[in-house]
């Protein structure tokens, strides 16, 4: 019945087709549209095809809007399954029973519309008082049907309209369980977790949680989402005594299980086995975190000791190779992907710490007091900007649950067009302000997003971008002072003369104090990439008036396309600089202050993505 109804929904609206001699279906050339004659349609067929004129004619002639057919299906059922919104409104105005039961599944029109994912029809029926908690003959309410068929927009709308996300069907299955069992896409599992669904509930028949069902279905996306985002327990047994942990163990290393999930399962398995003290100690999260922070400090120091050792160069190279192999082995043994993401930050901290030790121990006695003050001043500015970039709020958009519900209801009831991925974030369930983006590393939306920087371990956005720029400039200056101080040290303390040639200077450095040379080499390396990054960032901000994200993806955004790829936010280099710094320079310039966390429209332009219709919308 559902298939025939959906076929009827498409009938009369498609382009004319013909079959050629090879049996292939081809389309006729475009011709002027022909007005269809619906005068011979009965009331059901007219409803299916959306012939509202014929429907009104028959109703006015005395047809009872609530008269069911031989299968107890009402006209409102047919209008709902075919998403005929004008006809739904008309039938409701004529007194159609909104929760009429009909068909083989004893379903309501709301059930029929939900199965097909028709958001527009669902909005109209709920507004007319339809009850989404009613169960059909299979024991499912509407939120269960929406989850089974992957209609994420409907799941969101039902919850926003007050449906309990943990509502259980006749067998105790929740929407989260159905989504984990039936839908391999990221949503609606992620959405249900965001809206408060409980991953610990178990069904009545098998005692399975949502994670049990995801594992049984080999739904890798749901398994990863439930474990990594939903924090689902791996140790809850079902009625057979099987826990998700025991169910996953035979599949470790399989393609369908992600590396993060496999690693977490192995960790839990090792912890449950309670091996010797050393193993338990190495599995401790706090120990592993501090090991990640400390390793670059130690490696830097040991590498410096190797350079300072009075031995043959070939032996130094061998020892450096051993140091690399040892650090690589430690990294593979102790550190997972999450901890490895801290490596750039810990390398930065270790390098700067040894900069200070080297300056105070070796360089300060050989340079002027003013040079040391300048070095420490630039260092103080560096740490202020670094801390505000690292620990500061980049402009994270953090809605309350009530704000999420209001947004979902607003976008749904105005047609669902606002749900396009670049205007609505399905992970955070918020309207995306212009210039914002969801950071996949931090799993959050950031206003005026620039990029995620591993060197500061944070996103760079509207609220910390200027501090990040200060961090880059101060770091470049500090590295410059380090190179100056090191060069001055070798001239004053070691009598190194660059006029004698580069190789002779390197030999003199190696015989005098290789440690300072090792630190200078790191300063030069840091200064090289920092200079490139600083120039690019400054050029983008001042000259182009755009972020890194916009420069890389401007072809996706309509407001950039309308300007031929140029930024619509630029006001010229001088004004761009003052706008970015939010500085009026004692009233000389009036910076344009924009709250990018609340900036949703730019001359009614939105980012360039295909418009999703209410009847085919799914979160991405």
Protein backbone atom coordinates (compact mmCIF):
# COMPACT_ATOMS: atom_id res chain seq x y z
CA UNK A 1 0.00 0.00 0.00
CA UNK A 2 2.79 2.42 0.90
CA UNK A 3 4.60 1.78 -2.38
CA UNK A 4 1.51 2.35 -4.50
CA UNK A 5 0.78 5.52 -2.60
CA UNK A 6 4.27 6.86 -3.19
CA UNK A 7 4.03 5.99 -6.88
CA UNK A 8 0.83 7.95 -7.05
CA UNK A 9 2.60 10.89 -5.45
CA UNK A 10 5.04 11.02 -8.33
CA UNK A 11 2.48 10.39 -11.08
CA UNK A 12 1.49 13.20 -13.41
CA UNK A 13 4.49 15.35 -12.44
CA UNK A 14 7.38 13.71 -14.26
CA UNK A 15 8.82 14.53 -17.65
CA UNK A 16 7.30 12.49 -20.55
CA UNK A 17 9.29 9.35 -21.38
CA UNK A 18 9.52 7.03 -24.35
CA UNK A 19 11.39 3.80 -25.06
CA UNK A 20 13.75 3.66 -28.03
CA UNK A 21 14.43 0.62 -30.20
CA UNK A 22 17.24 -0.54 -27.89
CA UNK A 23 14.86 -0.64 -24.93
CA UNK A 24 16.46 2.39 -23.28
CA UNK A 25 14.30 5.00 -21.61
CA UNK A 26 14.90 8.47 -22.97
CA UNK A 27 13.31 11.80 -22.22
CA UNK A 28 11.31 13.79 -24.75
CA UNK A 29 12.58 17.22 -25.58
CA UNK A 30 11.22 19.97 -23.40
CA UNK A 31 7.74 21.09 -24.43
CA UNK A 32 5.25 23.52 -23.02
CA UNK A 33 3.57 22.13 -19.89
CA UNK A 34 0.19 20.54 -20.49
CA UNK A 35 -2.63 21.25 -18.09
CA UNK A 36 -3.89 17.91 -16.77
CA UNK A 37 -7.53 16.99 -16.84
CA UNK A 38 -8.48 15.64 -13.41
CA UNK A 39 -12.21 15.62 -14.02
CA UNK A 40 -12.33 11.81 -14.18
CA UNK A 41 -10.41 11.25 -10.93
CA UNK A 42 -12.18 9.88 -7.89
CA UNK A 43 -11.56 11.48 -4.51
CA UNK A 44 -8.71 9.13 -3.52
CA UNK A 45 -6.82 9.49 -6.79
CA UNK A 46 -7.30 13.25 -6.79
CA UNK A 47 -5.84 13.37 -3.26
CA UNK A 48 -2.88 11.21 -4.22
CA UNK A 49 -2.04 13.35 -7.26
CA UNK A 50 -2.55 16.64 -5.45
CA UNK A 51 -5.47 17.76 -7.64
CA UNK A 52 -6.87 20.12 -5.04
CA UNK A 53 -9.42 21.61 -7.43
CA UNK A 54 -10.99 18.21 -8.05
CA UNK A 55 -10.80 17.40 -4.31
CA UNK A 56 -12.71 20.56 -3.42
CA UNK A 57 -15.25 19.87 -6.13
CA UNK A 58 -16.01 16.39 -4.75
CA UNK A 59 -16.06 17.51 -1.11
CA UNK A 60 -18.41 20.38 -1.92
CA UNK A 61 -20.61 17.89 -3.77
CA UNK A 62 -21.15 16.07 -0.47
CA UNK A 63 -18.28 13.58 -0.07
CA UNK A 64 -17.59 12.88 3.64
CA UNK A 65 -13.98 13.84 4.37
CA UNK A 66 -13.77 11.13 7.07
CA UNK A 67 -15.24 8.30 4.98
CA UNK A 68 -12.67 5.44 4.94
CA UNK A 69 -12.12 3.09 2.03
CA UNK A 70 -12.38 -0.69 2.17
CA UNK A 71 -9.08 -0.89 4.08
CA UNK A 72 -10.19 1.73 6.64
CA UNK A 73 -7.80 4.27 5.11
CA UNK A 74 -9.03 7.88 5.20
CA UNK A 75 -8.39 10.69 2.77
CA UNK A 76 -6.11 12.36 5.32
CA UNK A 77 -3.92 9.24 5.25
CA UNK A 78 -3.53 9.56 1.48
CA UNK A 79 -2.78 13.27 1.68
CA UNK A 80 -0.22 12.70 4.44
CA UNK A 81 1.69 9.90 2.73
CA UNK A 82 1.93 11.96 -0.46
CA UNK A 83 2.86 15.18 1.38
CA UNK A 84 -0.06 17.12 -0.14
CA UNK A 85 0.10 19.98 2.32
CA UNK A 86 -2.57 22.16 0.74
CA UNK A 87 -4.97 19.25 0.73
CA UNK A 88 -4.05 18.34 4.34
CA UNK A 89 -4.94 21.89 5.40
CA UNK A 90 -8.21 21.70 3.46
CA UNK A 91 -9.20 18.35 4.97
CA UNK A 92 -8.41 19.58 8.49
CA UNK A 93 -10.50 22.70 7.89
CA UNK A 94 -13.35 20.41 6.80
CA UNK A 95 -13.18 18.45 10.06
CA UNK A 96 -10.95 15.49 9.17
CA UNK A 97 -10.11 13.32 12.20
CA UNK A 98 -6.39 13.93 12.69
CA UNK A 99 -5.69 10.64 14.54
CA UNK A 100 -7.87 8.36 12.42
CA UNK A 101 -6.72 4.72 12.49
CA UNK A 102 -6.45 2.89 9.19
CA UNK A 103 -4.60 0.41 7.00
CA UNK A 104 -3.03 -2.94 7.79
CA UNK A 105 -0.86 -1.45 10.54
CA UNK A 106 -3.68 0.45 12.26
CA UNK A 107 -1.64 3.62 11.75
CA UNK A 108 -2.57 7.28 11.89
CA UNK A 109 -1.89 9.82 9.11
CA UNK A 110 1.03 11.01 11.23
CA UNK A 111 2.51 7.49 11.10
CA UNK A 112 2.14 7.47 7.31
CA UNK A 113 3.81 10.86 6.88
CA UNK A 114 6.61 9.88 9.28
CA UNK A 115 7.44 6.67 7.43
CA UNK A 116 7.97 8.69 4.25
CA UNK A 117 9.93 11.45 6.00
CA UNK A 118 7.52 14.23 5.04
CA UNK A 119 8.47 17.02 7.45
CA UNK A 120 5.91 19.47 6.02
CA UNK A 121 3.01 17.06 6.50
CA UNK A 122 4.19 16.18 10.02
CA UNK A 123 4.32 19.85 11.02
CA UNK A 124 0.74 20.41 9.83
CA UNK A 125 -0.60 17.30 11.56
CA UNK A 126 1.10 18.06 14.87
CA UNK A 127 -0.20 21.63 14.73
CA UNK A 128 -3.70 20.17 14.30
CA UNK A 129 -3.29 18.09 17.47
CA UNK A 130 -2.00 14.75 16.18
CA UNK A 131 -0.63 12.54 18.96
CA UNK A 132 2.94 11.36 18.14
CA UNK A 133 2.94 8.88 21.04
CA UNK A 134 0.25 6.62 19.53
CA UNK A 135 1.51 3.17 18.51
CA UNK A 136 0.71 1.31 15.34
CA UNK A 137 0.05 -2.44 15.09
CA UNK A 138 3.79 -3.12 15.35
CA UNK A 139 3.95 -1.22 18.62
CA UNK A 140 5.92 1.72 17.23
CA UNK A 141 5.25 5.39 17.80
CA UNK A 142 6.30 8.07 15.35
CA UNK A 143 9.73 8.76 16.83
CA UNK A 144 10.58 5.06 16.48
CA UNK A 145 9.53 5.08 12.83
CA UNK A 146 11.55 8.23 12.14
CA UNK A 147 14.64 6.64 13.73
CA UNK A 148 14.18 3.34 11.86
CA UNK A 149 14.03 5.05 8.48
CA UNK A 150 16.78 7.57 9.24
CA UNK A 151 14.54 10.64 9.06
CA UNK A 152 16.73 12.72 11.35
CA UNK A 153 14.87 15.99 10.86
CA UNK A 154 11.69 14.33 12.08
CA UNK A 155 13.46 12.82 15.10
CA UNK A 156 14.70 16.28 16.03
CA UNK A 157 11.30 17.87 15.50
CA UNK A 158 9.44 15.27 17.58
CA UNK A 159 11.83 15.73 20.51
CA UNK A 160 11.68 19.52 20.21
CA UNK A 161 7.89 19.27 20.34
CA UNK A 162 8.03 17.37 23.63
CA UNK A 163 8.34 13.69 22.70
CA UNK A 164 10.54 11.82 25.19
CA UNK A 165 13.74 10.70 23.40
CA UNK A 166 13.74 7.58 25.61
CA UNK A 167 10.15 6.60 24.76
CA UNK A 168 10.05 2.81 24.39
CA UNK A 169 7.93 0.85 21.94
CA UNK A 170 6.03 -2.31 22.81
CA UNK A 171 9.24 -4.35 22.93
CA UNK A 172 11.15 -1.76 24.92
CA UNK A 173 13.13 -0.45 21.96
CA UNK A 174 14.00 3.26 22.03
CA UNK A 175 14.65 5.51 19.05
CA UNK A 176 18.38 5.29 19.82
CA UNK A 177 18.28 1.49 19.68
CA UNK A 178 16.41 1.53 16.37
CA UNK A 179 18.83 4.03 14.87
CA UNK A 180 21.85 1.99 16.02
CA UNK A 181 20.30 -1.19 14.55
CA UNK A 182 18.90 0.18 11.30
CA UNK A 183 20.81 3.32 10.22
CA UNK A 184 24.49 3.26 9.28
CA UNK A 185 24.78 7.05 8.85
CA UNK A 186 26.15 9.29 11.60
CA UNK A 187 22.71 10.63 12.41
CA UNK A 188 20.20 10.20 13.99
CA UNK A 189 22.40 8.42 16.61
CA UNK A 190 24.52 11.51 17.20
CA UNK A 191 21.49 13.79 17.29
CA UNK A 192 19.66 11.59 19.81
CA UNK A 193 22.69 11.60 22.10
CA UNK A 194 22.97 15.38 21.82
CA UNK A 195 19.29 15.73 22.72
CA UNK A 196 19.65 13.62 25.83
CA UNK A 197 18.86 10.04 24.82
CA UNK A 198 20.03 7.52 27.42
CA UNK A 199 22.42 4.91 25.94
CA UNK A 200 22.15 2.71 29.05
CA UNK A 201 18.50 1.67 28.60
CA UNK A 202 17.84 -1.95 27.58
CA UNK A 203 14.96 -3.45 25.63
CA UNK A 204 12.51 -5.89 27.22
CA UNK A 205 13.00 -8.83 24.85
CA UNK A 206 16.78 -9.27 24.74
CA UNK A 207 18.10 -6.86 27.36
CA UNK A 208 20.21 -5.17 24.69
CA UNK A 209 21.35 -1.58 24.95
CA UNK A 210 21.81 0.62 21.89
CA UNK A 211 25.48 -0.42 21.81
CA UNK A 212 24.53 -4.12 21.77
CA UNK A 213 22.28 -3.46 18.76
CA UNK A 214 24.97 -1.44 16.96
CA UNK A 215 27.50 -4.27 17.41
CA UNK A 216 25.02 -6.90 16.23
CA UNK A 217 24.39 -4.81 13.11
CA UNK A 218 28.15 -4.19 12.65
CA UNK A 219 27.25 -0.53 12.49
CA UNK A 220 30.73 0.95 12.84
CA UNK A 221 29.50 4.55 12.81
CA UNK A 222 26.99 3.94 15.60
CA UNK A 223 29.50 1.92 17.66
CA UNK A 224 32.09 4.69 17.46
CA UNK A 225 29.54 7.43 18.18
CA UNK A 226 28.05 5.61 21.18
CA UNK A 227 31.45 4.84 22.71
CA UNK A 228 33.39 8.00 21.90
CA UNK A 229 30.60 10.59 22.11
CA UNK A 230 27.79 8.92 24.04
CA UNK A 231 30.09 7.33 26.63
CA UNK A 232 28.04 4.12 26.41
CA UNK A 233 29.10 1.46 28.88
CA UNK A 234 30.98 -1.54 27.51
CA UNK A 235 30.25 -3.68 30.54
CA UNK A 236 26.42 -3.85 30.69
CA UNK A 237 25.27 -7.49 30.16
CA UNK A 238 22.15 -8.40 28.20
CA UNK A 239 19.80 -11.24 29.14
CA UNK A 240 22.28 -13.76 27.72
CA UNK A 241 25.09 -12.31 29.80
CA UNK A 242 26.93 -10.80 26.82
CA UNK A 243 28.47 -7.36 27.33
CA UNK A 244 29.47 -5.05 24.48
CA UNK A 245 33.07 -5.60 25.56
CA UNK A 246 32.90 -9.38 25.11
CA UNK A 247 31.01 -8.95 21.83
CA UNK A 248 33.68 -6.60 20.44
CA UNK A 249 36.77 -8.56 21.51
CA UNK A 250 36.61 -11.19 18.70
CA UNK A 251 36.39 -8.39 16.12
CA UNK A 252 39.34 -6.26 17.25
CA UNK A 253 41.41 -5.35 14.22
CA UNK A 254 38.50 -5.85 11.84
CA UNK A 255 37.97 -3.25 9.14
CA UNK A 256 34.53 -2.28 10.39
CA UNK A 257 35.83 -1.33 13.86
CA UNK A 258 37.68 1.97 14.02
CA UNK A 259 41.14 2.26 15.55
CA UNK A 260 39.93 4.46 18.44
CA UNK A 261 37.27 1.92 19.42
CA UNK A 262 39.72 -0.98 19.16
CA UNK A 263 42.23 0.86 21.31
CA UNK A 264 39.66 1.65 23.98
CA UNK A 265 38.46 -1.97 24.06
CA UNK A 266 42.03 -3.22 24.44
CA UNK A 267 42.67 -0.78 27.28
CA UNK A 268 39.58 -1.93 29.13
CA UNK A 269 40.47 -5.56 28.55
CA UNK A 270 43.97 -5.08 29.95
CA UNK A 271 42.68 -3.16 32.93
CA UNK A 272 40.10 -5.86 33.70
CA UNK A 273 42.80 -8.52 33.66
CA UNK A 274 44.67 -6.66 36.45
CA UNK A 275 48.15 -7.57 35.34
CA UNK A 276 51.28 -6.62 37.24
CA UNK A 277 51.85 -3.19 38.75
CA UNK A 278 53.97 -1.90 35.84
CA UNK A 279 51.27 -2.66 33.27
CA UNK A 280 48.56 -1.00 35.36
CA UNK A 281 50.84 1.99 35.89
CA UNK A 282 51.45 2.46 32.15
CA UNK A 283 47.70 2.29 31.50
CA UNK A 284 46.96 5.12 33.92
CA UNK A 285 45.58 8.12 31.98
CA UNK A 286 47.23 10.74 34.17
CA UNK A 287 50.62 9.04 33.85
CA UNK A 288 50.27 8.84 30.07
CA UNK A 289 49.26 12.52 29.84
CA UNK A 290 52.26 13.70 31.84
CA UNK A 291 54.48 11.35 29.85
CA UNK A 292 53.36 13.06 26.66
CA UNK A 293 54.11 16.49 28.13
CA UNK A 294 57.50 15.42 29.52
CA UNK A 295 58.80 13.41 26.55
CA UNK A 296 59.71 16.39 24.30
CA UNK A 297 61.53 18.07 27.24
CA UNK A 298 63.61 14.93 27.79
CA UNK A 299 64.24 14.22 24.10
CA UNK A 300 65.40 17.80 23.51
CA UNK A 301 67.82 17.57 26.44
CA UNK A 302 69.18 14.14 25.47
CA UNK A 303 69.70 15.25 21.87
CA UNK A 304 71.67 18.25 23.17
CA UNK A 305 73.81 15.95 25.35
CA UNK A 306 74.58 13.77 22.33
CA UNK A 307 75.71 16.83 20.34
CA UNK A 308 77.92 17.87 23.27
CA UNK A 309 79.48 14.43 23.69
CA UNK A 310 83.20 14.23 22.87
CA UNK A 311 83.05 11.35 20.43
CA UNK A 312 83.07 10.64 16.71
CA UNK A 313 80.36 12.10 14.50
CA UNK A 314 79.30 8.64 13.30
CA UNK A 315 78.70 7.61 16.91
CA UNK A 316 76.64 10.76 17.51
CA UNK A 317 74.51 9.94 14.48
CA UNK A 318 74.02 6.39 15.78
CA UNK A 319 73.01 7.66 19.22
CA UNK A 320 70.56 10.13 17.68
CA UNK A 321 69.04 7.26 15.71
CA UNK A 322 68.68 5.23 18.91
CA UNK A 323 67.05 8.20 20.64
CA UNK A 324 64.56 8.54 17.81
CA UNK A 325 63.77 4.80 17.88
CA UNK A 326 63.29 4.88 21.66
CA UNK A 327 60.99 7.92 21.55
CA UNK A 328 59.01 6.39 18.67
CA UNK A 329 58.58 3.14 20.61
CA UNK A 330 57.41 5.02 23.70
CA UNK A 331 54.95 6.96 21.57
CA UNK A 332 53.51 3.81 20.03
CA UNK A 333 53.25 2.11 23.42
CA UNK A 334 51.88 4.85 25.66
CA UNK A 335 50.18 7.42 23.45
CA UNK A 336 46.90 7.13 21.57
CA UNK A 337 45.59 9.52 18.89
CA UNK A 338 44.16 11.90 21.49
CA UNK A 339 47.49 12.23 23.28
CA UNK A 340 49.43 12.50 20.01
CA UNK A 341 47.34 15.57 19.23
CA UNK A 342 49.13 17.21 22.20
CA UNK A 343 52.57 16.60 20.67
CA UNK A 344 52.94 19.98 18.86
CA UNK A 345 51.87 21.83 22.02
CA UNK A 346 54.30 19.90 24.24
CA UNK A 347 57.12 20.39 21.68
CA UNK A 348 56.45 24.14 21.73
CA UNK A 349 56.57 24.27 25.55
CA UNK A 350 59.73 22.16 25.75
CA UNK A 351 61.54 24.28 23.19
CA UNK A 352 60.69 27.55 24.93
CA UNK A 353 61.68 26.16 28.34
CA UNK A 354 65.14 25.23 27.06
CA UNK A 355 65.39 28.65 25.38
CA UNK A 356 65.12 30.25 28.84
CA UNK A 357 67.60 27.87 30.42
CA UNK A 358 70.11 28.51 27.64
CA UNK A 359 69.69 32.29 27.71
CA UNK A 360 70.06 32.59 31.47
CA UNK A 361 72.93 30.08 31.70
CA UNK A 362 75.07 30.90 28.66
CA UNK A 363 73.87 33.97 26.76
CA UNK A 364 72.89 36.54 29.40
CA UNK A 365 76.52 37.08 30.63
CA UNK A 366 77.68 37.85 27.07
CA UNK A 367 75.00 40.34 25.97
CA UNK A 368 73.87 43.73 27.21
CA UNK A 369 71.28 44.17 29.93
CA UNK A 370 68.97 45.81 27.36
CA UNK A 371 69.15 42.74 25.12
CA UNK A 372 68.12 40.46 28.02
CA UNK A 373 65.27 42.81 28.92
CA UNK A 374 64.09 42.82 25.29
CA UNK A 375 64.25 39.02 25.15
CA UNK A 376 62.27 38.64 28.38
CA UNK A 377 59.77 41.33 27.35
CA UNK A 378 59.01 39.62 24.05
CA UNK A 379 58.79 36.36 25.99
CA UNK A 380 56.25 37.83 28.41
CA UNK A 381 54.13 39.11 25.52
CA UNK A 382 54.42 35.70 23.90
CA UNK A 383 53.07 33.91 26.98
CA UNK A 384 50.20 36.33 27.45
CA UNK A 385 49.08 35.81 23.85
CA UNK A 386 49.76 32.08 24.01
CA UNK A 387 47.67 31.56 27.14
CA UNK A 388 44.76 33.55 25.67
CA UNK A 389 45.02 31.53 22.44
CA UNK A 390 45.39 28.21 24.25
CA UNK A 391 42.95 28.53 27.15
CA UNK A 392 40.75 31.35 25.86
CA UNK A 393 37.31 30.97 24.29
CA UNK A 394 37.69 31.10 20.48
CA UNK A 395 34.01 31.97 20.09
CA UNK A 396 32.34 28.64 20.76
CA UNK A 397 28.61 28.66 20.05
CA UNK A 398 27.03 26.91 23.06
CA UNK A 399 23.23 26.83 22.92
CA UNK A 400 21.06 25.65 25.76
CA UNK A 401 18.72 22.73 25.19
CA UNK A 402 15.78 25.15 25.03
CA UNK A 403 17.55 27.20 22.35
CA UNK A 404 18.20 24.04 20.35
CA UNK A 405 14.52 23.12 20.51
CA UNK A 406 13.44 26.61 19.46
CA UNK A 407 15.80 26.54 16.49
CA UNK A 408 14.61 23.11 15.36
CA UNK A 409 10.95 24.10 15.66
CA UNK A 410 11.49 27.41 13.88
CA UNK A 411 13.36 25.88 10.95
CA UNK A 412 10.95 22.94 10.68
CA UNK A 413 7.79 25.01 10.74
CA UNK A 414 9.00 27.42 8.10
CA UNK A 415 9.53 24.60 5.63
CA UNK A 416 12.78 22.94 6.65
CA UNK A 417 14.83 24.99 4.19
CA UNK A 418 17.01 26.32 7.02
CA UNK A 419 18.35 22.83 7.68
CA UNK A 420 20.93 22.96 4.88
CA UNK A 421 24.30 21.87 6.34
CA UNK A 422 26.02 25.25 6.02
CA UNK A 423 23.19 27.08 7.82
CA UNK A 424 22.46 24.47 10.49
CA UNK A 425 24.94 22.26 12.35
CA UNK A 426 23.58 18.77 12.93
CA UNK A 427 26.30 18.03 15.50
CA UNK A 428 25.67 21.05 17.75
CA UNK A 429 22.02 21.56 16.68
CA UNK A 430 22.42 25.30 16.19
CA UNK A 431 21.95 27.84 13.45
CA UNK A 432 25.35 28.60 12.07
CA UNK A 433 26.29 32.29 12.06
CA UNK A 434 27.91 33.61 8.90
CA UNK A 435 31.66 32.81 8.82
CA UNK A 436 31.31 30.06 11.47
CA UNK A 437 32.32 26.42 11.05
CA UNK A 438 32.13 23.17 13.00
CA UNK A 439 35.61 22.07 14.08
CA UNK A 440 35.96 18.32 13.61
CA UNK A 441 38.87 18.18 16.09
CA UNK A 442 37.12 19.95 18.97
CA UNK A 443 33.59 18.85 17.92
CA UNK A 444 32.08 22.31 18.33
CA UNK A 445 30.98 25.29 16.25
CA UNK A 446 33.23 28.35 16.34
CA UNK A 447 32.27 31.87 15.23
CA UNK A 448 34.41 33.40 12.45
CA UNK A 449 36.40 30.18 12.36
CA UNK A 450 39.95 30.45 11.02
CA UNK A 451 41.51 27.04 11.70
CA UNK A 452 42.36 24.56 14.43
CA UNK A 453 45.94 25.14 15.54
CA UNK A 454 47.80 22.15 17.01
CA UNK A 455 50.56 24.45 18.33
CA UNK A 456 48.16 26.11 20.77
CA UNK A 457 45.82 23.12 21.09
CA UNK A 458 42.73 25.18 20.35
CA UNK A 459 40.54 26.55 17.59
CA UNK A 460 41.28 30.04 16.29
CA UNK A 461 38.11 32.08 15.97
CA UNK A 462 36.41 35.39 16.61
CA UNK A 463 37.47 35.80 20.24
CA UNK A 464 41.09 34.64 20.19
CA UNK A 465 42.28 35.32 16.62
CA UNK A 466 43.99 38.62 17.50
CA UNK A 467 45.81 36.93 20.40
CA UNK A 468 46.94 34.19 18.03
CA UNK A 469 48.37 36.86 15.74
CA UNK A 470 50.15 38.38 18.74
CA UNK A 471 51.48 34.93 19.61
CA UNK A 472 52.95 34.55 16.12
CA UNK A 473 54.58 37.98 16.09
CA UNK A 474 56.01 37.61 19.60
CA UNK A 475 57.29 34.10 18.84
CA UNK A 476 59.04 35.37 15.73
CA UNK A 477 60.65 38.21 17.71
CA UNK A 478 61.68 35.87 20.52
CA UNK A 479 63.32 33.44 18.09
CA UNK A 480 65.12 36.40 16.48
CA UNK A 481 66.51 37.46 19.85
CA UNK A 482 67.56 33.86 20.52
CA UNK A 483 69.55 33.76 17.28
CA UNK A 484 71.10 37.15 18.03
CA UNK A 485 72.03 36.11 21.57
CA UNK A 486 73.51 32.80 20.41
CA UNK A 487 75.59 34.47 17.72
CA UNK A 488 76.82 37.04 20.23
CA UNK A 489 77.71 34.25 22.68
CA UNK A 490 79.92 32.49 20.14
CA UNK A 491 81.63 35.71 19.18
CA UNK A 492 82.27 36.77 22.79
CA UNK A 493 82.90 33.42 24.51
CA UNK A 494 84.29 31.26 21.71
CA UNK A 495 85.89 33.80 19.36
CA UNK A 496 84.01 32.35 16.39
CA UNK A 497 84.68 34.38 13.25
CA UNK A 498 82.21 34.00 10.36
CA UNK A 499 84.76 35.61 8.00
CA UNK A 500 86.77 32.39 8.11
CA UNK A 501 83.97 30.47 6.36
CA UNK A 502 80.82 28.65 7.37
CA UNK A 503 82.43 25.24 7.84
CA UNK A 504 85.19 26.62 10.06
CA UNK A 505 82.53 28.44 12.10
CA UNK A 506 80.53 25.20 12.54
CA UNK A 507 83.66 23.34 13.62
CA UNK A 508 84.46 26.11 16.13
CA UNK A 509 80.90 25.99 17.48
CA UNK A 510 81.10 22.20 17.86
CA UNK A 511 84.39 22.38 19.73
CA UNK A 512 83.32 25.25 22.00
CA UNK A 513 79.67 24.73 23.06
CA UNK A 514 77.41 22.60 20.82
CA UNK A 515 74.42 23.03 23.16
CA UNK A 516 73.90 26.68 22.25
CA UNK A 517 74.18 25.74 18.58
CA UNK A 518 71.53 23.04 19.06
CA UNK A 519 69.20 25.59 20.66
CA UNK A 520 69.92 28.11 17.87
CA UNK A 521 69.09 25.47 15.26
CA UNK A 522 65.69 24.95 16.91
CA UNK A 523 65.15 28.71 17.07
CA UNK A 524 65.93 29.00 13.37
CA UNK A 525 63.56 26.12 12.54
CA UNK A 526 60.75 27.68 14.57
CA UNK A 527 61.39 31.10 13.12
CA UNK A 528 61.18 29.74 9.56
CA UNK A 529 57.68 28.27 9.80
CA UNK A 530 56.46 31.02 12.12
CA UNK A 531 57.55 33.69 9.65
CA UNK A 532 55.70 32.01 6.79
CA UNK A 533 52.57 31.53 8.88
CA UNK A 534 52.71 35.09 10.23
CA UNK A 535 53.00 36.59 6.74
CA UNK A 536 50.10 34.48 5.44
CA UNK A 537 47.87 35.28 8.42
CA UNK A 538 48.66 39.00 8.29
CA UNK A 539 48.05 39.14 4.54
CA UNK A 540 44.70 37.38 4.89
CA UNK A 541 43.48 39.52 7.75
CA UNK A 542 44.74 42.92 6.58
CA UNK A 543 44.80 42.75 2.79
CA UNK A 544 42.09 40.20 1.99
CA UNK A 545 39.73 40.61 4.94
CA UNK A 546 39.09 36.85 5.19
CA UNK A 547 39.93 33.86 7.35
CA UNK A 548 41.98 30.80 6.43
CA UNK A 549 38.80 28.73 6.17
CA UNK A 550 37.20 31.29 3.85
CA UNK A 551 40.29 31.53 1.68
CA UNK A 552 40.40 27.75 1.22
CA UNK A 553 36.62 27.28 0.76
CA UNK A 554 35.41 30.54 -0.77
CA UNK A 555 34.08 28.70 -3.80
CA UNK A 556 31.41 27.17 -1.53
CA UNK A 557 30.02 30.47 -0.26
CA UNK A 558 27.53 32.53 -2.20
CA UNK A 559 28.57 35.84 -0.68
CA UNK A 560 32.13 35.17 -1.92
CA UNK A 561 30.94 34.01 -5.34
CA UNK A 562 28.95 37.21 -5.75
CA UNK A 563 32.21 39.15 -5.29
CA UNK A 564 34.19 37.00 -7.72
CA UNK A 565 35.99 35.21 -4.89
CA UNK A 566 36.84 38.40 -3.01
CA UNK A 567 35.79 38.93 0.58
CA UNK A 568 32.55 40.86 1.08
CA UNK A 569 33.79 41.73 4.56
CA UNK A 570 36.89 43.71 3.52
CA UNK A 571 36.94 47.48 4.06
CA UNK A 572 40.49 48.13 2.89
CA UNK A 573 43.80 47.25 4.60
CA UNK A 574 43.78 50.06 7.19
CA UNK A 575 40.17 49.58 8.28
CA UNK A 576 40.56 45.79 8.17
CA UNK A 577 43.45 46.05 10.63
CA UNK A 578 41.56 48.26 13.07
CA UNK A 579 38.40 46.12 12.73
CA UNK A 580 40.42 43.01 13.49
CA UNK A 581 42.16 44.55 16.48
CA UNK A 582 38.90 46.19 17.63
CA UNK A 583 40.95 49.30 18.28
CA UNK A 584 39.85 52.88 17.65
CA UNK A 585 43.35 54.36 18.13
CA UNK A 586 42.14 57.08 20.52
CA UNK A 587 39.13 57.91 18.36
CA UNK A 588 41.07 58.44 15.13
CA UNK A 589 39.42 55.42 13.49
CA UNK A 590 35.98 53.98 14.06
CA UNK A 591 36.34 50.16 13.92
CA UNK A 592 33.38 48.13 12.75
CA UNK A 593 32.45 45.95 15.72
CA UNK A 594 30.43 42.88 14.71
CA UNK A 595 29.13 40.17 17.00
CA UNK A 596 30.02 37.22 14.80
CA UNK A 597 28.30 34.81 17.18
CA UNK A 598 24.93 36.40 16.34
CA UNK A 599 25.52 37.36 12.67
CA UNK A 600 23.19 35.07 10.70
CA UNK A 601 22.39 36.95 7.48
CA UNK A 602 24.56 38.73 4.97
CA UNK A 603 22.28 40.56 2.56
CA UNK A 604 20.04 37.46 2.66
CA UNK A 605 22.85 35.34 1.22
CA UNK A 606 23.67 31.95 2.69
CA UNK A 607 26.50 29.56 2.03
CA UNK A 608 26.27 27.73 -1.25
CA UNK A 609 24.78 24.29 -0.78
CA UNK A 610 21.86 22.54 -2.54
CA UNK A 611 18.53 23.38 -0.91
CA UNK A 612 17.14 20.31 0.83
CA UNK A 613 13.42 19.72 0.53
CA UNK A 614 11.46 18.72 3.61
CA UNK A 615 10.72 15.32 2.11
CA UNK A 616 14.31 14.33 1.46
CA UNK A 617 16.18 16.08 4.27
CA UNK A 618 18.72 14.21 6.33
CA UNK A 619 21.48 15.54 8.55
CA UNK A 620 24.99 15.18 7.30
